[in-house]
C-alpha atoms as a PDB file:
ATOM      1  CA  MET A   1     143.735  80.525  95.455  1.00  0.00           C
ATOM      2  CA  GLU A   2     143.330  79.381  92.198  1.00  0.00           C
ATOM      3  CA  THR A   3     138.840  79.244  91.330  1.00  0.00           C
ATOM      4  CA  GLU A   4     138.166  76.259  90.580  1.00  0.00           C
ATOM      5  CA  TYR A   5     135.190  76.024  87.238  1.00  0.00           C
ATOM      6  CA  GLU A   6     133.663  72.360  86.554  1.00  0.00           C
ATOM      7  CA  SER A   7     134.855  71.929  82.417  1.00  0.00           C
ATOM      8  CA  HIS A   8     132.725  72.089  79.268  1.00  0.00           C
ATOM      9  CA  SER A   9     133.500  68.489  78.993  1.00  0.00           C
ATOM     10  CA  ASP A  10     132.371  67.744  82.439  1.00  0.00           C
ATOM     11  CA  THR A  11     129.040  69.924  82.487  1.00  0.00           C
ATOM     12  CA  LEU A  12     128.371  68.038  78.588  1.00  0.00           C
ATOM     13  CA  ASN A  13     129.349  64.742  80.455  1.00  0.00           C
ATOM     14  CA  ARG A  14     126.380  65.400  83.805  1.00  0.00           C
ATOM     15  CA  ILE A  15     124.394  65.819  81.034  1.00  0.00           C
ATOM     16  CA  LYS A  16     123.960  62.618  79.592  1.00  0.00           C
ATOM     17  CA  PRO A  17     122.488  60.973  82.542  1.00  0.00           C
ATOM     18  CA  LEU A  18     120.459  63.388  83.987  1.00  0.00           C
ATOM     19  CA  LEU A  19     118.469  63.056  79.869  1.00  0.00           C
ATOM     20  CA  GLU A  20     118.213  59.744  80.337  1.00  0.00           C
ATOM     21  CA  GLN A  21     116.406  59.665  83.599  1.00  0.00           C
ATOM     22  CA  ILE A  22     113.546  62.259  82.622  1.00  0.00           C
ATOM     23  CA  ASP A  23     110.632  60.453  80.581  1.00  0.00           C
ATOM     24  CA  PRO A  24     109.186  63.058  77.512  1.00  0.00           C
ATOM     25  CA  LYS A  25     105.935  62.753  78.805  1.00  0.00           C
ATOM     26  CA  ASP A  26     106.294  63.796  82.284  1.00  0.00           C
ATOM     27  CA  ILE A  27     108.450  66.748  80.261  1.00  0.00           C
ATOM     28  CA  ALA A  28     105.084  67.541  77.911  1.00  0.00           C
ATOM     29  CA  ASN A  29     102.395  66.952  80.978  1.00  0.00           C
ATOM     30  CA  ALA A  30     103.837  69.409  83.303  1.00  0.00           C
ATOM     31  CA  PHE A  31     104.180  72.601  80.571  1.00  0.00           C
ATOM     32  CA  LEU A  32     100.320  71.763  80.345  1.00  0.00           C
ATOM     33  CA  PHE A  33     100.548  71.937  83.672  1.00  0.00           C
ATOM     34  CA  SER A  34     101.589  74.828  84.423  1.00  0.00           C
ATOM     35  CA  LEU A  35      99.535  76.848  81.336  1.00  0.00           C
ATOM     36  CA  SER A  36      96.144  76.437  84.260  1.00  0.00           C
ATOM     37  CA  THR A  37      97.992  77.106  87.188  1.00  0.00           C
ATOM     38  CA  ARG A  38     100.795  79.446  86.782  1.00  0.00           C
ATOM     39  CA  LYS A  39     103.615  77.666  88.299  1.00  0.00           C
ATOM     40  CA  LEU A  40     106.100  78.307  86.397  1.00  0.00           C
ATOM     41  CA  GLU A  41     108.875  76.114  87.583  1.00  0.00           C
ATOM     42  CA  TYR A  42     107.044  73.140  85.923  1.00  0.00           C
ATOM     43  CA  ARG A  43     106.632  75.158  82.826  1.00  0.00           C
ATOM     44  CA  SER A  44     111.430  76.030  81.988  1.00  0.00           C
ATOM     45  CA  ALA A  45     112.342  72.206  81.121  1.00  0.00           C
ATOM     46  CA  LEU A  46     110.610  71.748  77.347  1.00  0.00           C
ATOM     47  CA  GLY A  47     112.927  74.240  76.223  1.00  0.00           C
ATOM     48  CA  SER A  48     116.063  73.130  78.378  1.00  0.00           C
ATOM     49  CA  PHE A  49     114.995  69.087  77.479  1.00  0.00           C
ATOM     50  CA  TYR A  50     115.080  69.782  74.295  1.00  0.00           C
ATOM     51  CA  TYR A  51     118.247  71.975  73.821  1.00  0.00           C
ATOM     52  CA  ALA A  52     120.127  69.865  75.667  1.00  0.00           C
ATOM     53  CA  LYS A  53     118.854  66.223  73.796  1.00  0.00           C
ATOM     54  CA  ALA A  54     119.401  68.188  70.173  1.00  0.00           C
ATOM     55  CA  VAL A  55     123.301  68.790  72.170  1.00  0.00           C
ATOM     56  CA  PRO A  56     125.511  66.896  69.563  1.00  0.00           C
ATOM     57  CA  GLU A  57     129.602  65.466  70.533  1.00  0.00           C
ATOM     58  CA  HIS A  58     131.645  68.340  70.158  1.00  0.00           C
ATOM     59  CA  GLU A  59     134.861  69.475  70.697  1.00  0.00           C
ATOM     60  CA  PHE A  60     135.212  73.715  72.927  1.00  0.00           C
ATOM     61  CA  MET A  61     134.370  76.134  70.230  1.00  0.00           C
ATOM     62  CA  ASP A  62     136.277  79.015  70.110  1.00  0.00           C
ATOM     63  CA  SER A  63     134.624  83.066  69.271  1.00  0.00           C
ATOM     64  CA  TYR A  64     135.039  84.252  66.401  1.00  0.00           C
ATOM     65  CA  ASN A  65     137.105  86.880  67.692  1.00  0.00           C
ATOM     66  CA  GLU A  66     140.521  86.750  69.060  1.00  0.00           C
ATOM     67  CA  PHE A  67     140.377  88.461  72.296  1.00  0.00           C
ATOM     68  CA  LEU A  68     137.470  86.725  73.303  1.00  0.00           C
ATOM     69  CA  ALA A  69     138.706  82.990  71.987  1.00  0.00           C
ATOM     70  CA  ALA A  70     142.141  83.915  74.343  1.00  0.00           C
ATOM     71  CA  ALA A  71     139.746  84.272  77.228  1.00  0.00           C
ATOM     72  CA  ALA A  72     137.789  80.513  76.806  1.00  0.00           C
ATOM     73  CA  TYR A  73     135.188  81.279  78.926  1.00  0.00           C
ATOM     74  CA  GLU A  74     132.581  80.281  76.529  1.00  0.00           C
ATOM     75  CA  CYS A  75     131.830  77.427  73.502  1.00  0.00           C
ATOM     76  CA  TYR A  76     129.813  78.912  70.806  1.00  0.00           C
ATOM     77  CA  LEU A  77     127.886  75.765  70.013  1.00  0.00           C
ATOM     78  CA  CYS A  78     126.448  74.730  73.702  1.00  0.00           C
ATOM     79  CA  GLY A  79     126.834  77.651  75.038  1.00  0.00           C
ATOM     80  CA  TRP A  80     129.068  76.262  77.504  1.00  0.00           C
ATOM     81  CA  ARG A  81     130.480  78.933  79.800  1.00  0.00           C
ATOM     82  CA  ALA A  82     133.323  79.270  83.015  1.00  0.00           C
ATOM     83  CA  GLN A  83     130.982  79.527  86.044  1.00  0.00           C
ATOM     84  CA  GLU A  84     133.140  79.978  89.399  1.00  0.00           C
ATOM     85  CA  PHE A  85     132.718  76.909  91.699  1.00  0.00           C
ATOM     86  CA  THR A  86     132.845  76.472  95.940  1.00  0.00           C
ATOM     87  CA  THR A  87     133.215  73.873  97.933  1.00  0.00           C
ATOM     88  CA  ASN A  88     129.664  73.262  97.697  1.00  0.00           C
ATOM     89  CA  GLY A  89     128.886  73.627  94.303  1.00  0.00           C
ATOM     90  CA  LEU A  90     127.977  76.533  91.385  1.00  0.00           C
ATOM     91  CA  ARG A  91     128.052  79.584  93.668  1.00  0.00           C
ATOM     92  CA  LYS A  92     125.262  81.071  94.746  1.00  0.00           C
ATOM     93  CA  ASN A  93     124.722  84.259  92.652  1.00  0.00           C
ATOM     94  CA  PHE A  94     124.092  81.580  89.164  1.00  0.00           C
ATOM     95  CA  CYS A  95     122.151  79.650  91.504  1.00  0.00           C
ATOM     96  CA  ASN A  96     119.314  82.846  92.260  1.00  0.00           C
ATOM     97  CA  GLU A  97     119.470  83.604  88.694  1.00  0.00           C
ATOM     98  CA  TYR A  98     118.864  80.968  87.774  1.00  0.00           C
ATOM     99  CA  ASN A  99     116.379  80.098  89.399  1.00  0.00           C
ATOM    100  CA  GLU A 100     114.407  83.102  89.146  1.00  0.00           C
ATOM    101  CA  ASP A 101     113.849  82.532  85.607  1.00  0.00           C
ATOM    102  CA  ARG A 102     112.555  79.465  86.093  1.00  0.00           C
ATOM    103  CA  CYS A 103     110.259  80.747  88.507  1.00  0.00           C
ATOM    104  CA  LYS A 104     109.116  84.167  87.891  1.00  0.00           C
ATOM    105  CA  TYR A 105     109.193  83.604  84.027  1.00  0.00           C
ATOM    106  CA  GLY A 106     108.991  80.386  83.374  1.00  0.00           C
ATOM    107  CA  GLY A 107     112.058  79.732  81.539  1.00  0.00           C
ATOM    108  CA  SER A 108     114.960  82.265  79.873  1.00  0.00           C
ATOM    109  CA  ILE A 109     114.799  83.968  76.340  1.00  0.00           C
ATOM    110  CA  ILE A 110     118.621  83.465  76.123  1.00  0.00           C
ATOM    111  CA  GLY A 111     119.832  80.899  79.258  1.00  0.00           C
ATOM    112  CA  GLN A 112     118.003  78.333  77.741  1.00  0.00           C
ATOM    113  CA  ILE A 113     119.945  77.958  74.948  1.00  0.00           C
ATOM    114  CA  HIS A 114     123.457  77.523  77.591  1.00  0.00           C
ATOM    115  CA  ILE A 115     124.254  74.096  78.030  1.00  0.00           C
ATOM    116  CA  ASN A 116     124.783  75.263  82.019  1.00  0.00           C
ATOM    117  CA  TYR A 117     120.860  76.876  82.693  1.00  0.00           C
ATOM    118  CA  ALA A 118     119.320  73.741  80.895  1.00  0.00           C
ATOM    119  CA  LEU A 119     121.581  71.111  83.450  1.00  0.00           C
ATOM    120  CA  TYR A 120     120.747  73.485  86.216  1.00  0.00           C
ATOM    121  CA  ASP A 121     116.956  73.383  85.067  1.00  0.00           C
ATOM    122  CA  LEU A 122     117.049  69.618  84.348  1.00  0.00           C
ATOM    123  CA  GLU A 123     118.514  68.814  87.454  1.00  0.00           C
ATOM    124  CA  GLN A 124     115.847  71.038  89.652  1.00  0.00           C
ATOM    125  CA  PHE A 125     112.580  69.463  87.573  1.00  0.00           C
ATOM    126  CA  ILE A 126     113.384  65.868  88.171  1.00  0.00           C
ATOM    127  CA  LYS A 127     113.034  67.175  92.001  1.00  0.00           C
ATOM    128  CA  LEU A 128     109.593  68.312  91.388  1.00  0.00           C
ATOM    129  CA  PRO A 129     106.937  65.934  91.867  1.00  0.00           C
ATOM    130  CA  LYS A 130     105.342  64.340  88.372  1.00  0.00           C
ATOM    131  CA  VAL A 131     102.026  65.785  87.162  1.00  0.00           C
ATOM    132  CA  VAL A 132      98.772  65.706  85.367  1.00  0.00           C
ATOM    133  CA  PRO A 133      97.016  68.419  83.037  1.00  0.00           C
ATOM    134  CA  THR A 134      93.873  68.704  83.240  1.00  0.00           C
ATOM    135  CA  ASP A 135      91.645  69.181  80.633  1.00  0.00           C
ATOM    136  CA  ARG A 136      90.999  72.903  80.751  1.00  0.00           C
ATOM    137  CA  ASP A 137      95.316  72.448  80.321  1.00  0.00           C
ATOM    138  CA  ARG A 138      95.141  71.668  76.979  1.00  0.00           C
ATOM    139  CA  GLN A 139      92.427  73.340  75.757  1.00  0.00           C
ATOM    140  CA  ILE A 140      94.167  76.419  76.134  1.00  0.00           C
ATOM    141  CA  PHE A 141      97.236  75.066  74.703  1.00  0.00           C
ATOM    142  CA  MET A 142      95.657  74.836  71.343  1.00  0.00           C
ATOM    143  CA  GLU A 143      94.171  77.850  72.035  1.00  0.00           C
ATOM    144  CA  ILE A 144      97.272  78.872  71.989  1.00  0.00           C
ATOM    145  CA  LEU A 145      98.742  77.373  68.990  1.00  0.00           C
ATOM    146  CA  SER A 146      95.829  78.833  67.210  1.00  0.00           C
ATOM    147  CA  CYS A 147      96.546  82.467  66.975  1.00  0.00           C
ATOM    148  CA  VAL A 148      98.668  81.499  64.932  1.00  0.00           C
ATOM    149  CA  ASP A 149      96.118  81.404  62.291  1.00  0.00           C
ATOM    150  CA  ARG A 150      94.780  84.927  63.105  1.00  0.00           C
ATOM    151  CA  LEU A 151      98.143  86.334  61.612  1.00  0.00           C
ATOM    152  CA  LYS A 152      99.833  87.644  58.189  1.00  0.00           C
ATOM    153  CA  SER A 153     102.552  85.330  56.451  1.00  0.00           C
ATOM    154  CA  THR A 154     105.213  87.654  57.269  1.00  0.00           C
ATOM    155  CA  ASP A 155     104.020  88.366  60.962  1.00  0.00           C
ATOM    156  CA  LYS A 156     106.869  86.934  63.959  1.00  0.00           C
ATOM    157  CA  ALA A 157     106.942  85.826  66.830  1.00  0.00           C
ATOM    158  CA  GLY A 158     106.036  89.207  68.596  1.00  0.00           C
ATOM    159  CA  LYS A 159     103.135  89.757  66.537  1.00  0.00           C
ATOM    160  CA  LEU A 160     101.846  86.853  68.130  1.00  0.00           C
ATOM    161  CA  ARG A 161     103.007  87.049  71.833  1.00  0.00           C
ATOM    162  CA  ASP A 162     100.578  89.860  71.771  1.00  0.00           C
ATOM    163  CA  THR A 163      97.653  88.378  69.436  1.00  0.00           C
ATOM    164  CA  ILE A 164      98.377  85.813  72.767  1.00  0.00           C
ATOM    165  CA  ILE A 165      97.806  87.958  75.231  1.00  0.00           C
ATOM    166  CA  LYS A 166      95.283  90.054  73.890  1.00  0.00           C
ATOM    167  CA  ALA A 167      93.424  87.274  73.344  1.00  0.00           C
ATOM    168  CA  LYS A 168      93.327  86.786  77.366  1.00  0.00           C
ATOM    169  CA  ILE A 169      93.299  82.182  76.596  1.00  0.00           C
ATOM    170  CA  PHE A 170      95.216  82.151  80.319  1.00  0.00           C
ATOM    171  CA  LYS A 171      96.900  84.129  82.862  1.00  0.00           C
ATOM    172  CA  SER A 172     100.082  85.288  81.925  1.00  0.00           C
ATOM    173  CA  ASN A 173     102.745  88.465  81.048  1.00  0.00           C
ATOM    174  CA  ARG A 174     104.376  89.256  77.911  1.00  0.00           C
ATOM    175  CA  ASP A 175     107.914  88.169  79.208  1.00  0.00           C
ATOM    176  CA  GLU A 176     106.490  84.641  80.360  1.00  0.00           C
ATOM    177  CA  VAL A 177     105.110  84.431  76.608  1.00  0.00           C
ATOM    178  CA  ALA A 178     107.531  85.556  74.768  1.00  0.00           C
ATOM    179  CA  VAL A 179     109.704  82.582  76.811  1.00  0.00           C
ATOM    180  CA  LEU A 180     106.808  79.651  76.523  1.00  0.00           C
ATOM    181  CA  LEU A 181     106.729  80.638  72.384  1.00  0.00           C
ATOM    182  CA  GLY A 182     111.071  80.591  72.899  1.00  0.00           C
ATOM    183  CA  GLU A 183     110.441  77.047  74.455  1.00  0.00           C
ATOM    184  CA  LEU A 184     108.141  75.479  71.587  1.00  0.00           C
ATOM    185  CA  GLY A 185     110.654  76.976  69.372  1.00  0.00           C
ATOM    186  CA  VAL A 186     113.380  75.064  71.113  1.00  0.00           C
ATOM    187  CA  CYS A 187     111.346  71.708  70.467  1.00  0.00           C
ATOM    188  CA  GLY A 188     110.258  72.692  67.089  1.00  0.00           C
ATOM    189  CA  ILE A 189     106.854  73.331  67.260  1.00  0.00           C
ATOM    190  CA  LEU A 190     107.238  77.006  66.032  1.00  0.00           C
ATOM    191  CA  ALA A 191     110.409  76.360  63.317  1.00  0.00           C
ATOM    192  CA  GLY A 192     110.300  76.739  59.720  1.00  0.00           C
ATOM    193  CA  LYS A 193     111.806  74.589  56.830  1.00  0.00           C
ATOM    194  CA  ASP A 194     114.551  77.002  56.732  1.00  0.00           C
ATOM    195  CA  PHE A 195     115.597  76.932  60.047  1.00  0.00           C
ATOM    196  CA  PRO A 196     114.570  73.940  61.737  1.00  0.00           C
ATOM    197  CA  SER A 197     114.942  73.354  65.430  1.00  0.00           C
ATOM    198  CA  TYR A 198     117.827  71.727  66.877  1.00  0.00           C
ATOM    199  CA  ASP A 199     117.505  68.890  66.885  1.00  0.00           C
ATOM    200  CA  VAL A 200     117.030  68.559  62.956  1.00  0.00           C
ATOM    201  CA  TYR A 201     120.155  70.939  62.258  1.00  0.00           C
ATOM    202  CA  PHE A 202     122.312  72.425  65.710  1.00  0.00           C
ATOM    203  CA  PRO A 203     123.157  75.799  64.795  1.00  0.00           C
ATOM    204  CA  ASN A 204     126.286  77.512  67.071  1.00  0.00           C
ATOM    205  CA  GLU A 205     125.497  81.287  68.330  1.00  0.00           C
ATOM    206  CA  TYR A 206     126.604  83.001  65.403  1.00  0.00           C
ATOM    207  CA  GLU A 207     124.205  81.665  63.045  1.00  0.00           C
ATOM    208  CA  ARG A 208     121.520  81.706  65.085  1.00  0.00           C
ATOM    209  CA  ASP A 209     119.925  85.505  64.790  1.00  0.00           C
ATOM    210  CA  PRO A 210     118.603  86.896  61.736  1.00  0.00           C
ATOM    211  CA  THR A 211     121.099  88.973  59.507  1.00  0.00           C
ATOM    212  CA  GLU A 212     118.954  91.810  59.208  1.00  0.00           C
ATOM    213  CA  SER A 213     118.319  92.895  62.743  1.00  0.00           C
ATOM    214  CA  LYS A 214     119.071  91.095  66.519  1.00  0.00           C
ATOM    215  CA  SER A 215     115.749  89.854  67.647  1.00  0.00           C
ATOM    216  CA  TYR A 216     114.324  89.802  71.097  1.00  0.00           C
ATOM    217  CA  PHE A 217     113.283  86.246  70.884  1.00  0.00           C
ATOM    218  CA  ALA A 218     115.580  83.678  70.593  1.00  0.00           C
ATOM    219  CA  TYR A 219     116.704  80.819  67.785  1.00  0.00           C
ATOM    220  CA  PRO A 220     114.987  79.128  66.111  1.00  0.00           C
ATOM    221  CA  VAL A 221     111.847  81.349  67.026  1.00  0.00           C
ATOM    222  CA  ASN A 222     113.497  84.005  65.957  1.00  0.00           C
ATOM    223  CA  ARG A 223     113.347  82.977  62.695  1.00  0.00           C
ATOM    224  CA  TRP A 224     109.901  82.095  61.791  1.00  0.00           C
ATOM    225  CA  ARG A 225     107.260  83.562  60.497  1.00  0.00           C
ATOM    226  CA  ALA A 226     103.580  82.795  60.711  1.00  0.00           C
ATOM    227  CA  ARG A 227     103.469  81.305  57.101  1.00  0.00           C
ATOM    228  CA  ASP A 228     105.842  78.526  58.496  1.00  0.00           C
ATOM    229  CA  GLY A 229     102.944  77.771  61.079  1.00  0.00           C
ATOM    230  CA  ILE A 230     102.610  74.708  63.349  1.00  0.00           C
ATOM    231  CA  ASN A 231     105.209  71.788  62.774  1.00  0.00           C
ATOM    232  CA  ILE A 232     101.953  69.364  63.145  1.00  0.00           C
ATOM    233  CA  GLU A 233     104.814  66.648  63.223  1.00  0.00           C
ATOM    234  CA  ARG A 234     107.228  67.900  66.147  1.00  0.00           C
ATOM    235  CA  LEU A 235     103.700  68.860  68.008  1.00  0.00           C
ATOM    236  CA  LYS A 236     102.697  65.184  67.655  1.00  0.00           C
ATOM    237  CA  ALA A 237     106.617  63.673  68.521  1.00  0.00           C
ATOM    238  CA  VAL A 238     106.411  66.411  72.126  1.00  0.00           C
ATOM    239  CA  PHE A 239     102.813  66.942  73.519  1.00  0.00           C
ATOM    240  CA  GLY A 240     101.024  64.090  71.020  1.00  0.00           C
ATOM    241  CA  PHE A 241      98.467  65.603  69.575  1.00  0.00           C
ATOM    242  CA  GLU A 242      98.069  65.666  65.915  1.00  0.00           C
ATOM    243  CA  SER A 243      96.397  68.947  65.132  1.00  0.00           C
ATOM    244  CA  ILE A 244      95.651  71.293  67.135  1.00  0.00           C
ATOM    245  CA  TYR A 245      92.050  71.903  66.543  1.00  0.00           C
END
């Protein structure tokens, strides 16, 4: 029996109406709400929403590697991957992996920049009750962002993560904070002019890693430096805040 997969184009077509159902304000509220409650399933959608929203119309992009290109299982622009379906939908092992990332880490450092994960994440998000963040949530968020001021100009996202953890601003751990910073990169708040967020320029997978080394973080926060600071324009667009103070 031939294995069935959802095609690249079908996956992209499913994303469009899903994005239309979601109010960006609900995405921002859910992210903030997660900070004091540590209900991490509410945090993940921030990165997924802004990644999926930025994905341009495109044809399947083959790998530069001839062997991988012949396999044709991944699009090297949006990150679509062929994933086996059963008569009841996506195989359980994929759902388990995605849901673990959502609920245990508040997202996925790498998965969030793959369209399959973003689709699953947003499908789960619209099932959640809407939430309203508190003043404490907003204060936590501002304190997180203000940690940038404690860094040297050349410091990277890893140093920012460690500074946030050391400050004990909210209950979290190393992996959760790393994912959180990745999401702030995807939506453009932690993205520099030279390596902007996906809505400004959508790089393929070969363009996303620093040339000098591999990074624990994903694009664009893997290219961010403290001298890039906070993108206040994106902060206002995503969360409605005009400054971090």
